[in-house]
């Protein structure tokens, strides 16, 4: 830090130079985030100083959060929802599993006596092999054993594999509604039945799919309509078109939420249930604004356009004899392409395109977000063909 401050003009010049080095979304086909809606940005700036960590000071913002949660509950088929707005899917996943672990420990013995019990094995969590890497963080932070169930030929979790991994120390299951790599939806109805049969929790990571699946023509059972689903993560800052960071964690049962309780004696509110202390009220306002501005009709139009672009891209690729590893469920495509890593690298270095890869099976991964246009797809296909032709 300098002894004396810089001028506003100098600061703006530095910021502009830094911003110019960021890649614009018009060259990005790998991210599950996009430009936030204009009205979300306006709301974000209006509430920029609001801190939901001490929401007694910001009662109006807190009221907006309750309205957002209620709207999300209605969207996901549970009107009596409890939860809070998070920074995104990672925090939501950590907190969902933390609630499972806390209740598991409470139901058995105190943590001290568990540690003294030589026969006790640490709690375990069964997740799909396609689960987001945030669950590896969950395992590390919460000291929960992560058991990864195999996938079937459609890259959905195998119900049989899940069942084989459950034992008396299993605290819960995880299902994915819109997997990060493949955009696939696990057989959540069957997993709901398994969770009920074993009296364990079922958390659904719908961070991406939560703002896609409800607005598609085809219906998918993935939310609180299924009685075994106990919690859901959903991210408004992805297909919800809110500002970053905007996530939400929803619980069906207040008992799970209460397991996250912490006393906060020096604040205007006596308790918190969150992972972070300080929370962005700006993101709350942004999410409220865009959800109410677009409504279900607006989101249906957004999802429909993304799917139209997805189909358009698939048609263009088929003309080059390039095909998806699986038929896309939503606006995420995994392509069967030779030398994926090299193709990805050359697209970035030679044409400034940012794409990603899938691990198993190996493929080129593209996400068709609202910032994508037909012209953008045409340009990308031309450059991809150049790279692929040069490999022959």
Protein backbone atom coordinates (compact mmCIF):
# COMPACT_ATOMS: atom_id res chain seq x y z
CA UNK A 1 0.00 0.00 0.00
CA UNK A 2 1.28 3.45 -0.93
CA UNK A 3 1.79 6.14 1.71
CA UNK A 4 -0.56 8.40 -0.23
CA UNK A 5 -3.49 7.26 -2.28
CA UNK A 6 -3.77 7.22 -6.03
CA UNK A 7 -6.19 9.44 -7.88
CA UNK A 8 -9.58 8.14 -9.05
CA UNK A 9 -8.33 8.38 -12.61
CA UNK A 10 -5.28 6.25 -11.84
CA UNK A 11 -7.38 3.65 -10.05
CA UNK A 12 -9.84 3.49 -12.94
CA UNK A 13 -7.00 3.10 -15.43
CA UNK A 14 -5.50 0.20 -13.46
CA UNK A 15 -8.90 -1.46 -13.12
CA UNK A 16 -9.63 -1.03 -16.81
CA UNK A 17 -6.28 -2.58 -17.72
CA UNK A 18 -6.96 -5.54 -15.42
CA UNK A 19 -10.48 -5.98 -16.75
CA UNK A 20 -9.17 -5.99 -20.31
CA UNK A 21 -7.09 -9.07 -19.44
CA UNK A 22 -10.19 -11.03 -18.38
CA UNK A 23 -11.73 -13.24 -21.01
CA UNK A 24 -15.19 -12.12 -22.04
CA UNK A 25 -17.98 -14.69 -21.94
CA UNK A 26 -18.25 -14.43 -25.75
CA UNK A 27 -15.20 -16.75 -25.91
CA UNK A 28 -16.26 -19.00 -23.03
CA UNK A 29 -17.95 -22.36 -23.61
CA UNK A 30 -16.81 -24.00 -20.38
CA UNK A 31 -18.43 -22.02 -17.57
CA UNK A 32 -21.74 -22.67 -15.83
CA UNK A 33 -21.91 -18.96 -15.02
CA UNK A 34 -22.82 -16.14 -17.38
CA UNK A 35 -23.54 -12.42 -17.51
CA UNK A 36 -26.06 -11.58 -14.79
CA UNK A 37 -29.30 -9.97 -15.86
CA UNK A 38 -29.26 -6.16 -15.93
CA UNK A 39 -31.91 -5.85 -13.24
CA UNK A 40 -29.90 -8.19 -10.98
CA UNK A 41 -26.85 -5.95 -11.36
CA UNK A 42 -28.90 -2.86 -10.49
CA UNK A 43 -30.34 -4.51 -7.40
CA UNK A 44 -26.90 -5.77 -6.37
CA UNK A 45 -25.44 -2.28 -6.44
CA UNK A 46 -28.40 -0.81 -4.55
CA UNK A 47 -27.86 -3.25 -1.66
CA UNK A 48 -24.05 -3.39 -1.87
CA UNK A 49 -23.50 -2.62 1.85
CA UNK A 50 -26.11 -5.01 3.23
CA UNK A 51 -24.60 -7.72 5.45
CA UNK A 52 -26.84 -10.69 6.06
CA UNK A 53 -24.43 -11.92 8.72
CA UNK A 54 -26.20 -9.52 11.06
CA UNK A 55 -29.56 -9.31 9.37
CA UNK A 56 -31.18 -7.53 12.30
CA UNK A 57 -29.58 -4.40 10.87
CA UNK A 58 -30.99 -5.08 7.41
CA UNK A 59 -34.55 -6.22 7.99
CA UNK A 60 -35.70 -5.27 4.51
CA UNK A 61 -32.98 -7.37 2.89
CA UNK A 62 -33.78 -10.26 5.23
CA UNK A 63 -37.40 -10.06 4.15
CA UNK A 64 -36.26 -10.35 0.52
CA UNK A 65 -34.25 -13.46 1.42
CA UNK A 66 -37.33 -15.08 2.97
CA UNK A 67 -39.28 -14.31 -0.20
CA UNK A 68 -36.54 -15.81 -2.39
CA UNK A 69 -36.47 -18.99 -0.29
CA UNK A 70 -40.25 -19.25 -0.41
CA UNK A 71 -40.23 -18.88 -4.21
CA UNK A 72 -37.50 -21.50 -4.56
CA UNK A 73 -39.44 -23.84 -2.28
CA UNK A 74 -42.53 -23.44 -4.43
CA UNK A 75 -40.47 -24.08 -7.56
CA UNK A 76 -39.07 -27.25 -5.99
CA UNK A 77 -42.41 -28.52 -4.61
CA UNK A 78 -42.09 -27.74 -0.91
CA UNK A 79 -43.92 -24.74 0.54
CA UNK A 80 -42.71 -25.13 4.15
CA UNK A 81 -39.05 -24.76 3.30
CA UNK A 82 -36.20 -23.72 5.61
CA UNK A 83 -32.70 -22.67 4.64
CA UNK A 84 -30.64 -19.68 3.63
CA UNK A 85 -28.80 -18.08 0.73
CA UNK A 86 -25.22 -19.24 0.36
CA UNK A 87 -22.21 -18.32 -1.73
CA UNK A 88 -22.95 -21.20 -4.08
CA UNK A 89 -23.03 -24.96 -4.50
CA UNK A 90 -19.83 -25.71 -2.59
CA UNK A 91 -21.02 -24.01 0.59
CA UNK A 92 -24.50 -25.50 0.19
CA UNK A 93 -23.06 -29.01 -0.19
CA UNK A 94 -20.76 -28.60 2.82
CA UNK A 95 -23.62 -27.41 5.01
CA UNK A 96 -26.05 -30.09 3.85
CA UNK A 97 -23.59 -32.85 4.73
CA UNK A 98 -22.57 -31.10 7.94
CA UNK A 99 -26.20 -31.26 9.06
CA UNK A 100 -26.29 -35.00 8.28
CA UNK A 101 -23.09 -35.62 10.21
CA UNK A 102 -24.19 -33.55 13.20
CA UNK A 103 -27.50 -35.40 13.49
CA UNK A 104 -25.76 -38.76 13.05
CA UNK A 105 -23.38 -37.99 15.91
CA UNK A 106 -26.19 -36.67 18.09
CA UNK A 107 -28.26 -39.79 17.53
CA UNK A 108 -25.48 -42.17 18.48
CA UNK A 109 -23.17 -40.84 21.18
CA UNK A 110 -21.32 -37.69 22.09
CA UNK A 111 -18.35 -37.07 19.85
CA UNK A 112 -15.93 -37.57 22.76
CA UNK A 113 -17.24 -41.02 23.58
CA UNK A 114 -17.27 -41.95 19.90
CA UNK A 115 -13.60 -41.20 19.67
CA UNK A 116 -12.99 -43.45 22.68
CA UNK A 117 -15.03 -46.28 21.18
CA UNK A 118 -12.55 -48.54 19.36
CA UNK A 119 -15.39 -50.17 17.40
CA UNK A 120 -16.66 -46.90 15.96
CA UNK A 121 -15.95 -46.21 12.30
CA UNK A 122 -16.20 -42.66 11.04
CA UNK A 123 -19.40 -41.62 9.26
CA UNK A 124 -19.54 -42.20 5.52
CA UNK A 125 -21.36 -40.51 2.65
CA UNK A 126 -22.32 -42.22 -0.61
CA UNK A 127 -21.98 -39.99 -3.67
CA UNK A 128 -21.95 -40.64 -7.44
CA UNK A 129 -18.57 -40.90 -9.11
CA UNK A 130 -19.75 -37.88 -11.12
CA UNK A 131 -20.22 -35.73 -8.00
CA UNK A 132 -18.72 -32.25 -7.93
CA UNK A 133 -15.25 -31.93 -6.39
CA UNK A 134 -16.79 -29.95 -3.53
CA UNK A 135 -17.66 -33.30 -1.94
CA UNK A 136 -13.95 -34.10 -1.67
CA UNK A 137 -13.70 -30.87 0.32
CA UNK A 138 -16.66 -32.04 2.41
CA UNK A 139 -14.82 -35.25 3.24
CA UNK A 140 -11.70 -33.37 4.28
CA UNK A 141 -13.44 -30.65 6.31
CA UNK A 142 -15.98 -32.84 8.09
CA UNK A 143 -13.87 -36.01 8.41
CA UNK A 144 -16.52 -38.02 6.58
CA UNK A 145 -15.52 -41.02 4.48
CA UNK A 146 -16.50 -40.49 0.86
CA UNK A 147 -17.78 -43.60 -0.92
CA UNK A 148 -18.11 -43.10 -4.67
CA UNK A 149 -20.72 -45.16 -6.48
CA UNK A 150 -20.06 -46.18 -10.08
CA UNK A 151 -21.96 -44.83 -13.07
CA UNK A 152 -24.08 -46.73 -15.58
CA UNK A 153 -23.73 -46.57 -19.36
CA UNK A 154 -25.72 -43.31 -19.44
CA UNK A 155 -23.33 -41.73 -16.92
CA UNK A 156 -25.97 -41.69 -14.19
CA UNK A 157 -25.18 -43.20 -10.82
CA UNK A 158 -25.80 -46.93 -10.55
CA UNK A 159 -28.57 -47.65 -8.06
CA UNK A 160 -27.07 -51.07 -7.38
CA UNK A 161 -23.66 -49.56 -6.65
CA UNK A 162 -25.21 -47.05 -4.24
CA UNK A 163 -27.02 -49.82 -2.38
CA UNK A 164 -23.84 -51.88 -2.01
CA UNK A 165 -22.00 -49.02 -0.28
CA UNK A 166 -24.53 -48.32 2.48
CA UNK A 167 -23.85 -49.59 6.00
CA UNK A 168 -24.68 -48.66 9.61
CA UNK A 169 -22.33 -45.65 9.49
CA UNK A 170 -23.78 -44.15 6.30
CA UNK A 171 -25.17 -40.71 7.13
CA UNK A 172 -26.74 -40.08 3.74
CA UNK A 173 -26.73 -40.16 -0.04
CA UNK A 174 -26.04 -37.52 -2.67
CA UNK A 175 -27.75 -37.31 -6.06
CA UNK A 176 -26.88 -34.95 -8.90
CA UNK A 177 -29.47 -33.05 -10.93
CA UNK A 178 -27.32 -31.69 -13.73
CA UNK A 179 -23.83 -33.13 -13.25
CA UNK A 180 -20.97 -30.71 -13.81
CA UNK A 181 -19.25 -32.76 -16.49
CA UNK A 182 -22.15 -34.32 -18.37
CA UNK A 183 -25.33 -32.45 -17.37
CA UNK A 184 -26.87 -35.79 -16.45
CA UNK A 185 -29.65 -36.39 -13.92
CA UNK A 186 -29.29 -39.32 -11.54
CA UNK A 187 -32.23 -41.74 -10.92
CA UNK A 188 -33.34 -39.67 -7.95
CA UNK A 189 -36.70 -41.36 -7.53
CA UNK A 190 -34.95 -44.69 -6.93
CA UNK A 191 -32.42 -43.04 -4.62
CA UNK A 192 -35.29 -41.46 -2.71
CA UNK A 193 -36.73 -44.93 -2.13
CA UNK A 194 -33.35 -46.22 -0.94
CA UNK A 195 -32.96 -43.29 1.47
CA UNK A 196 -36.39 -43.95 2.97
CA UNK A 197 -35.76 -47.69 3.27
CA UNK A 198 -32.49 -47.07 5.13
CA UNK A 199 -33.75 -44.07 7.13
CA UNK A 200 -30.94 -41.83 5.89
CA UNK A 201 -30.79 -38.39 4.32
CA UNK A 202 -30.73 -37.63 0.58
CA UNK A 203 -29.15 -34.39 -0.59
CA UNK A 204 -29.69 -33.31 -4.20
CA UNK A 205 -26.99 -31.16 -5.78
CA UNK A 206 -29.05 -29.17 -8.27
CA UNK A 207 -26.65 -26.23 -8.31
CA UNK A 208 -26.86 -26.13 -12.10
CA UNK A 209 -29.99 -28.12 -12.93
CA UNK A 210 -32.22 -26.40 -10.40
CA UNK A 211 -32.85 -23.48 -12.75
CA UNK A 212 -33.01 -25.71 -15.84
CA UNK A 213 -35.07 -28.83 -15.13
CA UNK A 214 -38.25 -27.09 -13.89
CA UNK A 215 -38.44 -25.14 -17.15
CA UNK A 216 -37.82 -27.91 -19.67
CA UNK A 217 -40.52 -29.53 -21.79
CA UNK A 218 -39.63 -32.97 -20.44
CA UNK A 219 -40.45 -33.53 -16.78
CA UNK A 220 -37.86 -34.88 -14.33
CA UNK A 221 -38.46 -36.05 -10.76
CA UNK A 222 -35.57 -34.61 -8.77
CA UNK A 223 -36.86 -32.33 -6.02
CA UNK A 224 -38.97 -32.29 -2.84
CA UNK A 225 -41.81 -33.93 -4.70
CA UNK A 226 -39.91 -37.11 -3.87
CA UNK A 227 -40.41 -37.89 -0.16
CA UNK A 228 -36.85 -39.13 0.40
CA UNK A 229 -35.22 -35.85 -0.70
CA UNK A 230 -34.21 -33.97 2.45
CA UNK A 231 -32.12 -31.07 1.10
CA UNK A 232 -31.34 -29.34 -2.19
CA UNK A 233 -28.57 -27.03 -3.39
CA UNK A 234 -29.52 -24.59 -6.15
CA UNK A 235 -27.49 -21.70 -7.60
CA UNK A 236 -29.28 -18.57 -8.86
CA UNK A 237 -25.93 -17.23 -10.12
CA UNK A 238 -25.83 -19.92 -12.80
CA UNK A 239 -28.91 -20.35 -15.02
CA UNK A 240 -30.88 -18.17 -12.59
CA UNK A 241 -29.02 -15.12 -14.03
CA UNK A 242 -28.32 -13.56 -10.65
CA UNK A 243 -25.03 -12.00 -9.56
CA UNK A 244 -22.13 -13.88 -8.00
CA UNK A 245 -22.18 -15.16 -5.27
CA UNK A 246 -25.80 -16.34 -5.17
CA UNK A 247 -26.54 -19.87 -4.00
CA UNK A 248 -29.23 -21.40 -1.82
CA UNK A 249 -29.52 -24.37 0.51
CA UNK A 250 -33.02 -25.67 1.21
CA UNK A 251 -34.12 -28.20 3.84
CA UNK A 252 -37.43 -29.99 4.05
CA UNK A 253 -37.12 -30.49 7.82
CA UNK A 254 -36.31 -27.73 10.31
CA UNK A 255 -34.50 -30.33 12.45
CA UNK A 256 -31.71 -30.49 9.87
CA UNK A 257 -31.48 -26.72 9.78
CA UNK A 258 -31.36 -26.52 13.58
CA UNK A 259 -28.38 -28.87 13.63
CA UNK A 260 -26.35 -26.01 12.09
CA UNK A 261 -27.22 -23.53 14.82
CA UNK A 262 -24.52 -21.34 16.39
CA UNK A 263 -24.98 -18.69 19.09
CA UNK A 264 -24.03 -15.13 18.14
CA UNK A 265 -24.38 -13.12 21.37
CA UNK A 266 -22.84 -9.84 20.19
CA UNK A 267 -24.98 -9.39 17.07
CA UNK A 268 -28.51 -8.02 16.73
CA UNK A 269 -29.64 -11.64 16.16
CA UNK A 270 -28.90 -14.36 18.69
CA UNK A 271 -28.19 -17.27 16.31
CA UNK A 272 -26.73 -18.10 12.91
CA UNK A 273 -27.12 -21.21 10.80
CA UNK A 274 -24.65 -20.27 8.10
CA UNK A 275 -21.11 -21.36 7.27
CA UNK A 276 -19.82 -17.87 6.55
CA UNK A 277 -20.45 -15.04 8.97
CA UNK A 278 -20.64 -12.10 6.62
CA UNK A 279 -23.10 -12.74 3.77
CA UNK A 280 -23.93 -10.62 0.76
CA UNK A 281 -27.27 -8.86 0.98
CA UNK A 282 -26.56 -7.56 -2.51
CA UNK A 283 -26.80 -11.09 -3.88
CA UNK A 284 -30.09 -11.56 -2.05
CA UNK A 285 -31.56 -8.45 -3.64
CA UNK A 286 -30.18 -9.39 -7.07
CA UNK A 287 -31.76 -12.83 -6.89
CA UNK A 288 -35.11 -11.47 -5.76
CA UNK A 289 -35.08 -8.90 -8.55
CA UNK A 290 -34.26 -11.24 -11.43
CA UNK A 291 -36.57 -14.05 -10.28
CA UNK A 292 -39.50 -11.70 -10.02
CA UNK A 293 -38.64 -9.84 -13.22
CA UNK A 294 -38.36 -12.95 -15.37
CA UNK A 295 -40.93 -15.15 -13.67
CA UNK A 296 -41.43 -18.75 -14.78
CA UNK A 297 -42.25 -17.60 -18.32
CA UNK A 298 -38.94 -15.76 -18.64
CA UNK A 299 -36.96 -18.74 -17.38
CA UNK A 300 -38.80 -21.07 -19.74
CA UNK A 301 -37.79 -18.80 -22.62
CA UNK A 302 -34.16 -18.71 -21.42
CA UNK A 303 -33.92 -22.49 -21.07
CA UNK A 304 -35.72 -23.05 -24.39
CA UNK A 305 -33.26 -20.79 -26.20
CA UNK A 306 -30.27 -22.54 -24.61
CA UNK A 307 -31.66 -25.90 -25.69
CA UNK A 308 -32.31 -24.59 -29.21
CA UNK A 309 -28.67 -23.47 -29.37
CA UNK A 310 -27.56 -26.84 -28.01
CA UNK A 311 -29.45 -28.68 -30.76
CA UNK A 312 -28.08 -26.26 -33.36
CA UNK A 313 -24.53 -26.95 -32.21
CA UNK A 314 -25.09 -30.72 -32.30
CA UNK A 315 -26.37 -30.46 -35.89
CA UNK A 316 -23.31 -28.43 -36.92
CA UNK A 317 -20.97 -30.91 -35.26
CA UNK A 318 -22.69 -33.87 -36.89
CA UNK A 319 -21.82 -32.37 -40.27
CA UNK A 320 -18.17 -32.81 -39.16
CA UNK A 321 -18.80 -36.36 -37.89
CA UNK A 322 -18.37 -35.19 -34.29
CA UNK A 323 -20.91 -36.63 -31.87
CA UNK A 324 -21.72 -36.46 -28.16
CA UNK A 325 -20.63 -39.15 -25.72
CA UNK A 326 -24.23 -39.24 -24.48
CA UNK A 327 -27.37 -37.52 -25.73
CA UNK A 328 -27.47 -34.22 -23.81
CA UNK A 329 -30.17 -33.92 -21.14
CA UNK A 330 -29.73 -30.18 -20.83
CA UNK A 331 -27.40 -27.49 -22.15
CA UNK A 332 -24.19 -29.40 -21.34
CA UNK A 333 -22.45 -31.37 -24.10
CA UNK A 334 -19.62 -33.89 -23.82
CA UNK A 335 -18.09 -34.61 -27.22
CA UNK A 336 -16.17 -37.64 -28.46
CA UNK A 337 -13.09 -35.92 -29.85
CA UNK A 338 -9.60 -37.36 -30.46
CA UNK A 339 -6.75 -35.97 -28.35
CA UNK A 340 -9.10 -33.88 -26.21
CA UNK A 341 -6.39 -32.22 -24.15
CA UNK A 342 -4.46 -31.12 -27.22
CA UNK A 343 -7.64 -29.85 -28.90
CA UNK A 344 -8.58 -27.90 -25.80
CA UNK A 345 -5.11 -26.37 -25.58
CA UNK A 346 -4.99 -25.37 -29.23
CA UNK A 347 -8.48 -23.86 -29.16
CA UNK A 348 -7.29 -21.64 -26.30
CA UNK A 349 -3.87 -20.71 -27.69
CA UNK A 350 -4.79 -20.26 -31.35
CA UNK A 351 -8.38 -19.01 -31.18
CA UNK A 352 -8.89 -17.85 -27.59
CA UNK A 353 -11.76 -20.31 -26.99
CA UNK A 354 -12.19 -21.66 -23.48
CA UNK A 355 -13.63 -25.16 -23.35
CA UNK A 356 -13.11 -27.92 -20.80
CA UNK A 357 -12.74 -31.68 -20.72
CA UNK A 358 -14.47 -34.58 -19.02
CA UNK A 359 -12.44 -37.18 -17.19
CA UNK A 360 -14.18 -40.54 -17.54
CA UNK A 361 -14.99 -41.00 -20.31
CA UNK A 362 -12.62 -38.46 -21.78
CA UNK A 363 -14.31 -35.85 -23.94
CA UNK A 364 -14.55 -32.19 -24.86
CA UNK A 365 -17.07 -30.42 -22.61
CA UNK A 366 -19.18 -27.44 -23.71
CA UNK A 367 -21.82 -25.52 -21.75
CA UNK A 368 -24.35 -23.51 -23.75
CA UNK A 369 -25.21 -20.61 -21.45
CA UNK A 370 -27.46 -17.59 -22.15
CA UNK A 371 -24.51 -15.53 -23.41
CA UNK A 372 -24.03 -17.97 -26.31
CA UNK A 373 -25.42 -16.96 -29.72
CA UNK A 374 -25.85 -18.67 -33.09
CA UNK A 375 -23.02 -16.53 -34.46
CA UNK A 376 -20.77 -17.59 -31.59
CA UNK A 377 -21.49 -21.25 -32.31
CA UNK A 378 -20.81 -20.81 -36.03
CA UNK A 379 -17.46 -19.19 -35.25
CA UNK A 380 -16.52 -21.90 -32.77
CA UNK A 381 -17.38 -24.73 -35.15
CA UNK A 382 -15.17 -23.22 -37.87
CA UNK A 383 -12.22 -23.01 -35.46
CA UNK A 384 -12.82 -26.48 -34.04
CA UNK A 385 -12.81 -27.91 -37.58
CA UNK A 386 -9.46 -26.25 -38.27
CA UNK A 387 -7.95 -27.86 -35.19
CA UNK A 388 -9.43 -31.29 -35.89
CA UNK A 389 -8.42 -31.22 -39.56
CA UNK A 390 -4.83 -30.43 -38.58
CA UNK A 391 -4.70 -33.59 -36.45
CA UNK A 392 -5.33 -35.90 -39.42
